[in-house]
PDB file of N, CA and C in Angstrom:
ATOM      1  N   MET A   1     -30.759-114.890 344.057  1.00  0.00           N
ATOM      2  CA  MET A   1     -29.348-114.516 343.308  1.00  0.00           C
ATOM      3  C   MET A   1     -28.327-114.908 343.849  1.00  0.00           C
ATOM      4  N   SER A   2     -27.074-115.427 343.358  1.00  0.00           N
ATOM      5  CA  SER A   2     -26.099-116.104 343.827  1.00  0.00           C
ATOM      6  C   SER A   2     -24.845-115.118 343.405  1.00  0.00           C
ATOM      7  N   SER A   3     -24.444-114.721 344.558  1.00  0.00           N
ATOM      8  CA  SER A   3     -22.966-113.920 344.657  1.00  0.00           C
ATOM      9  C   SER A   3     -21.594-114.661 343.838  1.00  0.00           C
ATOM     10  N   LEU A   4     -22.001-115.951 344.400  1.00  0.00           N
ATOM     11  CA  LEU A   4     -20.668-116.802 344.107  1.00  0.00           C
ATOM     12  C   LEU A   4     -21.221-118.032 342.758  1.00  0.00           C
ATOM     13  N   PRO A   5     -20.570-118.503 341.835  1.00  0.00           N
ATOM     14  CA  PRO A   5     -20.811-119.557 341.150  1.00  0.00           C
ATOM     15  C   PRO A   5     -20.956-120.679 341.951  1.00  0.00           C
ATOM     16  N   SER A   6     -21.907-121.730 341.251  1.00  0.00           N
ATOM     17  CA  SER A   6     -22.302-122.869 342.039  1.00  0.00           C
ATOM     18  C   SER A   6     -22.591-124.026 340.944  1.00  0.00           C
ATOM     19  N   LYS A   7     -22.737-125.019 341.501  1.00  0.00           N
ATOM     20  CA  LYS A   7     -23.179-126.192 340.195  1.00  0.00           C
ATOM     21  C   LYS A   7     -24.022-125.900 339.304  1.00  0.00           C
ATOM     22  N   TYR A   8     -25.011-124.894 340.060  1.00  0.00           N
ATOM     23  CA  TYR A   8     -26.106-124.512 338.827  1.00  0.00           C
ATOM     24  C   TYR A   8     -26.408-123.046 338.777  1.00  0.00           C
ATOM     25  N   VAL A   9     -25.305-122.232 339.271  1.00  0.00           N
ATOM     26  CA  VAL A   9     -24.901-121.087 338.417  1.00  0.00           C
ATOM     27  C   VAL A   9     -23.781-120.815 338.058  1.00  0.00           C
ATOM     28  N   PRO A  10     -23.825-120.589 336.626  1.00  0.00           N
ATOM     29  CA  PRO A  10     -22.206-120.268 335.960  1.00  0.00           C
ATOM     30  C   PRO A  10     -21.355-119.200 336.426  1.00  0.00           C
ATOM     31  N   ILE A  11     -20.333-119.039 336.431  1.00  0.00           N
ATOM     32  CA  ILE A  11     -19.972-117.815 336.972  1.00  0.00           C
ATOM     33  C   ILE A  11     -20.288-116.688 336.230  1.00  0.00           C
ATOM     34  N   GLU A  12     -20.326-116.557 334.839  1.00  0.00           N
ATOM     35  CA  GLU A  12     -20.606-115.106 334.150  1.00  0.00           C
ATOM     36  C   GLU A  12     -22.323-114.919 334.438  1.00  0.00           C
ATOM     37  N   PHE A  13     -22.826-115.647 335.235  1.00  0.00           N
ATOM     38  CA  PHE A  13     -24.349-115.303 335.667  1.00  0.00           C
ATOM     39  C   PHE A  13     -24.261-115.143 337.459  1.00  0.00           C
ATOM     40  N   SER A  14     -22.954-115.350 337.899  1.00  0.00           N
ATOM     41  CA  SER A  14     -23.241-114.846 339.420  1.00  0.00           C
ATOM     42  C   SER A  14     -22.709-113.308 339.054  1.00  0.00           C
ATOM     43  N   ILE A  15     -22.962-112.821 340.606  1.00  0.00           N
ATOM     44  CA  ILE A  15     -22.597-111.521 340.547  1.00  0.00           C
ATOM     45  C   ILE A  15     -21.499-111.390 340.644  1.00  0.00           C
ATOM     46  N   LEU A  16     -20.338-111.829 341.030  1.00  0.00           N
ATOM     47  CA  LEU A  16     -18.939-112.046 340.756  1.00  0.00           C
ATOM     48  C   LEU A  16     -18.720-111.904 339.269  1.00  0.00           C
ATOM     49  N   GLY A  17     -19.357-112.996 338.463  1.00  0.00           N
ATOM     50  CA  GLY A  17     -19.015-112.859 336.998  1.00  0.00           C
ATOM     51  C   GLY A  17     -19.425-111.358 336.449  1.00  0.00           C
ATOM     52  N   VAL A  18     -20.567-110.870 336.862  1.00  0.00           N
ATOM     53  CA  VAL A  18     -21.291-109.995 336.398  1.00  0.00           C
ATOM     54  C   VAL A  18     -20.325-108.873 336.870  1.00  0.00           C
ATOM     55  N   ALA A  19     -19.487-108.629 337.804  1.00  0.00           N
ATOM     56  CA  ALA A  19     -18.977-107.715 338.108  1.00  0.00           C
ATOM     57  C   ALA A  19     -17.491-107.629 337.550  1.00  0.00           C
ATOM     58  N   ALA A  20     -17.051-109.118 337.306  1.00  0.00           N
ATOM     59  CA  ALA A  20     -15.600-109.029 336.377  1.00  0.00           C
ATOM     60  C   ALA A  20     -16.098-108.445 334.860  1.00  0.00           C
ATOM     61  N   ARG A  21     -17.219-108.719 334.626  1.00  0.00           N
ATOM     62  CA  ARG A  21     -17.621-108.501 333.111  1.00  0.00           C
ATOM     63  C   ARG A  21     -17.888-106.455 333.249  1.00  0.00           C
ATOM     64  N   LEU A  22     -18.053-106.041 334.041  1.00  0.00           N
ATOM     65  CA  LEU A  22     -18.347-104.675 334.139  1.00  0.00           C
ATOM     66  C   LEU A  22     -16.997-104.061 334.483  1.00  0.00           C
ATOM     67  N   VAL A  23     -15.980-104.540 334.927  1.00  0.00           N
ATOM     68  CA  VAL A  23     -14.661-103.905 335.101  1.00  0.00           C
ATOM     69  C   VAL A  23     -14.320-103.923 334.006  1.00  0.00           C
ATOM     70  N   ASP A  24     -14.437-104.692 332.935  1.00  0.00           N
ATOM     71  CA  ASP A  24     -13.702-104.997 331.461  1.00  0.00           C
ATOM     72  C   ASP A  24     -14.927-103.628 330.942  1.00  0.00           C
ATOM     73  N   GLU A  25     -15.746-103.371 330.876  1.00  0.00           N
ATOM     74  CA  GLU A  25     -16.330-102.629 330.008  1.00  0.00           C
ATOM     75  C   GLU A  25     -16.231-100.973 330.853  1.00  0.00           C
ATOM     76  N   ILE A  26     -15.761-100.827 331.775  1.00  0.00           N
ATOM     77  CA  ILE A  26     -15.569 -99.263 332.233  1.00  0.00           C
ATOM     78  C   ILE A  26     -14.653 -98.439 331.327  1.00  0.00           C
ATOM     79  N   GLY A  27     -15.280 -97.467 330.901  1.00  0.00           N
ATOM     80  CA  GLY A  27     -14.270 -96.778 330.114  1.00  0.00           C
ATOM     81  C   GLY A  27     -13.766 -95.560 330.558  1.00  0.00           C
ATOM     82  N   PRO A  28     -12.967 -94.557 329.899  1.00  0.00           N
ATOM     83  CA  PRO A  28     -12.164 -93.635 330.547  1.00  0.00           C
ATOM     84  C   PRO A  28     -13.026 -92.449 330.822  1.00  0.00           C
ATOM     85  N   THR A  29     -14.277 -92.214 330.635  1.00  0.00           N
ATOM     86  CA  THR A  29     -15.240 -91.327 330.727  1.00  0.00           C
ATOM     87  C   THR A  29     -16.443 -91.644 331.011  1.00  0.00           C
ATOM     88  N   GLU A  30     -16.383 -93.026 332.085  1.00  0.00           N
ATOM     89  CA  GLU A  30     -17.818 -93.742 332.237  1.00  0.00           C
ATOM     90  C   GLU A  30     -18.712 -93.167 333.453  1.00  0.00           C
ATOM     91  N   THR A  31     -19.647 -92.819 333.304  1.00  0.00           N
ATOM     92  CA  THR A  31     -20.608 -92.869 334.793  1.00  0.00           C
ATOM     93  C   THR A  31     -21.574 -93.855 334.898  1.00  0.00           C
ATOM     94  N   VAL A  32     -21.993 -93.967 335.869  1.00  0.00           N
ATOM     95  CA  VAL A  32     -23.100 -95.197 336.212  1.00  0.00           C
ATOM     96  C   VAL A  32     -24.071 -95.291 335.312  1.00  0.00           C
ATOM     97  N   SER A  33     -24.536 -94.096 334.934  1.00  0.00           N
ATOM     98  CA  SER A  33     -25.582 -94.206 333.806  1.00  0.00           C
ATOM     99  C   SER A  33     -25.129 -94.610 332.535  1.00  0.00           C
ATOM    100  N   SER A  34     -23.993 -94.326 332.166  1.00  0.00           N
ATOM    101  CA  SER A  34     -23.724 -94.331 330.620  1.00  0.00           C
ATOM    102  C   SER A  34     -23.432 -96.249 330.803  1.00  0.00           C
ATOM    103  N   LEU A  35     -22.566 -96.621 331.857  1.00  0.00           N
ATOM    104  CA  LEU A  35     -22.259 -97.945 332.081  1.00  0.00           C
ATOM    105  C   LEU A  35     -23.576 -98.649 332.010  1.00  0.00           C
ATOM    106  N   TRP A  36     -24.409 -98.371 332.487  1.00  0.00           N
ATOM    107  CA  TRP A  36     -25.666 -99.093 332.352  1.00  0.00           C
ATOM    108  C   TRP A  36     -26.565 -99.056 331.346  1.00  0.00           C
ATOM    109  N   ASP A  37     -26.452 -98.059 330.539  1.00  0.00           N
ATOM    110  CA  ASP A  37     -27.007 -98.312 329.227  1.00  0.00           C
ATOM    111  C   ASP A  37     -26.451 -98.719 328.113  1.00  0.00           C
ATOM    112  N   ARG A  38     -24.900 -99.243 328.539  1.00  0.00           N
ATOM    113  CA  ARG A  38     -24.327-100.468 327.415  1.00  0.00           C
ATOM    114  C   ARG A  38     -24.445-101.782 327.658  1.00  0.00           C
ATOM    115  N   VAL A  39     -24.078-101.770 329.056  1.00  0.00           N
ATOM    116  CA  VAL A  39     -24.344-103.158 329.729  1.00  0.00           C
ATOM    117  C   VAL A  39     -25.935-103.859 329.977  1.00  0.00           C
ATOM    118  N   ARG A  40     -27.042-103.162 330.086  1.00  0.00           N
ATOM    119  CA  ARG A  40     -28.119-103.711 330.257  1.00  0.00           C
ATOM    120  C   ARG A  40     -28.531-104.584 329.344  1.00  0.00           C
ATOM    121  N   GLN A  41     -28.024-104.822 327.896  1.00  0.00           N
ATOM    122  CA  GLN A  41     -28.347-105.809 327.320  1.00  0.00           C
ATOM    123  C   GLN A  41     -27.717-106.980 327.333  1.00  0.00           C
ATOM    124  N   PHE A  42     -26.795-107.165 327.842  1.00  0.00           N
ATOM    125  CA  PHE A  42     -26.124-108.577 328.302  1.00  0.00           C
ATOM    126  C   PHE A  42     -26.849-109.231 329.038  1.00  0.00           C
ATOM    127  N   ALA A  43     -27.036-110.546 328.690  1.00  0.00           N
ATOM    128  CA  ALA A  43     -27.756-111.609 329.169  1.00  0.00           C
ATOM    129  C   ALA A  43     -27.284-112.071 330.703  1.00  0.00           C
ATOM    130  N   GLU A  44     -25.838-111.843 331.004  1.00  0.00           N
ATOM    131  CA  GLU A  44     -25.634-111.982 332.292  1.00  0.00           C
ATOM    132  C   GLU A  44     -26.020-110.908 333.251  1.00  0.00           C
ATOM    133  N   VAL A  45     -26.321-109.768 332.976  1.00  0.00           N
ATOM    134  CA  VAL A  45     -26.712-108.104 333.640  1.00  0.00           C
ATOM    135  C   VAL A  45     -27.919-108.307 333.899  1.00  0.00           C
ATOM    136  N   ARG A  46     -28.807-108.528 332.819  1.00  0.00           N
ATOM    137  CA  ARG A  46     -30.608-108.487 332.697  1.00  0.00           C
ATOM    138  C   ARG A  46     -31.280-107.208 333.276  1.00  0.00           C
ATOM    139  N   THR A  47     -30.874-107.193 334.921  1.00  0.00           N
ATOM    140  CA  THR A  47     -31.751-106.157 335.535  1.00  0.00           C
ATOM    141  C   THR A  47     -30.459-105.158 336.565  1.00  0.00           C
ATOM    142  N   PHE A  48     -31.001-104.134 336.650  1.00  0.00           N
ATOM    143  CA  PHE A  48     -30.588-103.164 337.364  1.00  0.00           C
ATOM    144  C   PHE A  48     -30.329-103.442 338.769  1.00  0.00           C
ATOM    145  N   ASP A  49     -31.031-104.372 339.501  1.00  0.00           N
ATOM    146  CA  ASP A  49     -30.618-105.002 340.690  1.00  0.00           C
ATOM    147  C   ASP A  49     -29.191-105.905 340.413  1.00  0.00           C
ATOM    148  N   ARG A  50     -29.134-106.536 339.683  1.00  0.00           N
ATOM    149  CA  ARG A  50     -27.978-107.159 339.932  1.00  0.00           C
ATOM    150  C   ARG A  50     -26.613-106.456 339.313  1.00  0.00           C
ATOM    151  N   TYR A  51     -26.923-105.324 338.299  1.00  0.00           N
ATOM    152  CA  TYR A  51     -25.745-104.153 338.134  1.00  0.00           C
ATOM    153  C   TYR A  51     -25.614-103.622 339.393  1.00  0.00           C
ATOM    154  N   ALA A  52     -26.475-103.169 340.100  1.00  0.00           N
ATOM    155  CA  ALA A  52     -26.124-102.465 341.359  1.00  0.00           C
ATOM    156  C   ALA A  52     -25.243-103.208 342.474  1.00  0.00           C
ATOM    157  N   GLU A  53     -25.853-104.499 342.371  1.00  0.00           N
ATOM    158  CA  GLU A  53     -24.955-105.602 343.315  1.00  0.00           C
ATOM    159  C   GLU A  53     -23.504-105.312 343.019  1.00  0.00           C
ATOM    160  N   ALA A  54     -23.363-105.817 341.854  1.00  0.00           N
ATOM    161  CA  ALA A  54     -22.186-106.225 341.133  1.00  0.00           C
ATOM    162  C   ALA A  54     -21.541-104.688 341.072  1.00  0.00           C
ATOM    163  N   LEU A  55     -21.775-103.268 340.966  1.00  0.00           N
ATOM    164  CA  LEU A  55     -20.772-102.137 341.367  1.00  0.00           C
ATOM    165  C   LEU A  55     -20.924-102.004 343.013  1.00  0.00           C
ATOM    166  N   THR A  56     -21.783-102.505 343.678  1.00  0.00           N
ATOM    167  CA  THR A  56     -21.413-102.602 345.325  1.00  0.00           C
ATOM    168  C   THR A  56     -20.441-103.608 345.431  1.00  0.00           C
ATOM    169  N   LEU A  57     -20.151-104.766 345.038  1.00  0.00           N
ATOM    170  CA  LEU A  57     -19.033-105.515 345.106  1.00  0.00           C
ATOM    171  C   LEU A  57     -17.830-104.974 344.850  1.00  0.00           C
ATOM    172  N   LEU A  58     -17.772-104.118 343.607  1.00  0.00           N
ATOM    173  CA  LEU A  58     -16.527-103.705 343.403  1.00  0.00           C
ATOM    174  C   LEU A  58     -16.179-102.462 344.151  1.00  0.00           C
ATOM    175  N   PHE A  59     -17.058-101.558 344.417  1.00  0.00           N
ATOM    176  CA  PHE A  59     -16.654-100.468 345.373  1.00  0.00           C
ATOM    177  C   PHE A  59     -16.106-100.968 346.643  1.00  0.00           C
ATOM    178  N   ALA A  60     -16.961-102.094 347.068  1.00  0.00           N
ATOM    179  CA  ALA A  60     -16.551-102.714 348.308  1.00  0.00           C
ATOM    180  C   ALA A  60     -15.116-103.285 348.450  1.00  0.00           C
ATOM    181  N   GLY A  61     -14.676-103.855 347.402  1.00  0.00           N
ATOM    182  CA  GLY A  61     -13.618-104.910 347.319  1.00  0.00           C
ATOM    183  C   GLY A  61     -12.441-103.403 347.010  1.00  0.00           C
ATOM    184  N   GLY A  62     -12.491-102.355 346.579  1.00  0.00           N
ATOM    185  CA  GLY A  62     -11.667-101.477 346.337  1.00  0.00           C
ATOM    186  C   GLY A  62     -11.530-101.314 344.763  1.00  0.00           C
ATOM    187  N   LEU A  63     -11.907-101.844 344.266  1.00  0.00           N
ATOM    188  CA  LEU A  63     -11.431-102.157 342.873  1.00  0.00           C
ATOM    189  C   LEU A  63     -11.822-101.353 341.772  1.00  0.00           C
ATOM    190  N   ILE A  64     -12.896-100.238 341.985  1.00  0.00           N
ATOM    191  CA  ILE A  64     -13.139 -99.053 341.555  1.00  0.00           C
ATOM    192  C   ILE A  64     -13.774 -97.948 342.330  1.00  0.00           C
ATOM    193  N   SER A  65     -13.556 -96.895 341.980  1.00  0.00           N
ATOM    194  CA  SER A  65     -13.761 -95.767 342.662  1.00  0.00           C
ATOM    195  C   SER A  65     -14.886 -94.495 342.081  1.00  0.00           C
ATOM    196  N   MET A  66     -15.020 -93.614 342.322  1.00  0.00           N
ATOM    197  CA  MET A  66     -15.618 -92.457 341.434  1.00  0.00           C
ATOM    198  C   MET A  66     -14.994 -91.187 341.849  1.00  0.00           C
ATOM    199  N   GLU A  67     -15.128 -90.456 340.860  1.00  0.00           N
ATOM    200  CA  GLU A  67     -13.970 -89.172 341.098  1.00  0.00           C
ATOM    201  C   GLU A  67     -14.569 -88.451 340.199  1.00  0.00           C
ATOM    202  N   LYS A  68     -15.546 -87.127 340.825  1.00  0.00           N
ATOM    203  CA  LYS A  68     -16.355 -86.256 339.992  1.00  0.00           C
ATOM    204  C   LYS A  68     -17.235 -87.057 339.408  1.00  0.00           C
ATOM    205  N   GLY A  69     -18.059 -88.062 339.720  1.00  0.00           N
ATOM    206  CA  GLY A  69     -19.042 -88.689 338.742  1.00  0.00           C
ATOM    207  C   GLY A  69     -18.610 -89.636 337.809  1.00  0.00           C
ATOM    208  N   ILE A  70     -17.519 -89.648 337.752  1.00  0.00           N
ATOM    209  CA  ILE A  70     -16.911 -91.094 336.870  1.00  0.00           C
ATOM    210  C   ILE A  70     -16.304 -91.851 337.566  1.00  0.00           C
ATOM    211  N   LEU A  71     -16.618 -93.002 337.006  1.00  0.00           N
ATOM    212  CA  LEU A  71     -16.233 -94.303 337.540  1.00  0.00           C
ATOM    213  C   LEU A  71     -14.601 -94.407 337.082  1.00  0.00           C
ATOM    214  N   ARG A  72     -13.910 -95.250 337.822  1.00  0.00           N
ATOM    215  CA  ARG A  72     -12.263 -95.044 337.657  1.00  0.00           C
ATOM    216  C   ARG A  72     -12.163 -96.478 338.223  1.00  0.00           C
ATOM    217  N   ARG A  73     -11.421 -97.581 337.504  1.00  0.00           N
ATOM    218  CA  ARG A  73     -10.827 -98.919 337.914  1.00  0.00           C
ATOM    219  C   ARG A  73      -9.391 -98.236 338.919  1.00  0.00           C
ATOM    220  N   THR A  74      -9.632 -98.840 339.954  1.00  0.00           N
ATOM    221  CA  THR A  74      -8.307 -98.817 340.771  1.00  0.00           C
ATOM    222  C   THR A  74      -7.626 -99.846 341.066  1.00  0.00           C
ATOM    223  N   SER A  75      -6.129-100.024 341.203  1.00  0.00           N
ATOM    224  CA  SER A  75      -5.396-100.981 341.692  1.00  0.00           C
ATOM    225  C   SER A  75      -5.660-101.201 343.053  1.00  0.00           C
ATOM    226  N   PRO A  76      -5.703-102.740 343.657  1.00  0.00           N
ATOM    227  CA  PRO A  76      -5.762-102.893 345.040  1.00  0.00           C
ATOM    228  C   PRO A  76      -4.330-102.612 345.740  1.00  0.00           C
ATOM    229  N   SER A  77      -4.483-102.152 346.973  1.00  0.00           N
ATOM    230  CA  SER A  77      -3.144-101.233 347.621  1.00  0.00           C
ATOM    231  C   SER A  77      -1.964-102.909 347.582  1.00  0.00           C
ATOM    232  N   GLY A  78      -0.910-102.085 347.033  1.00  0.00           N
ATOM    233  CA  GLY A  78       0.372-103.149 347.036  1.00  0.00           C
ATOM    234  C   GLY A  78       0.607-103.388 345.779  1.00  0.00           C
ATOM    235  N   LEU A  79      -0.271-103.702 344.895  1.00  0.00           N
ATOM    236  CA  LEU A  79      -0.449-104.206 343.409  1.00  0.00           C
ATOM    237  C   LEU A  79      -0.122-103.173 342.572  1.00  0.00           C
ATOM    238  N   SER A  80       1.045-103.640 341.653  1.00  0.00           N
ATOM    239  CA  SER A  80       1.092-102.841 340.649  1.00  0.00           C
ATOM    240  C   SER A  80       0.407-103.108 339.371  1.00  0.00           C
ATOM    241  N   ARG A  81      -0.061-102.494 338.216  1.00  0.00           N
ATOM    242  CA  ARG A  81      -0.917-102.725 336.976  1.00  0.00           C
ATOM    243  C   ARG A  81       0.056-103.056 335.890  1.00  0.00           C
TER     244      ARG A  81
END
């Protein structure tokens, strides 16, 4: 599994690409389970391991947070939306 795109791994199938897709899919009342139920059929997500790695990348980068069990998109510090 590749985190970054390469000559052999298109961006949409890298963990970075999956993470970008997940950010786009997060709704206003999304839980980890409800998001997984919606995105599990996407070819680029495929497995729960890839899904979990992409969420980990988003949490580590401060792009998403969790409030009372609900996933929220966050703005990076100092940047306005």
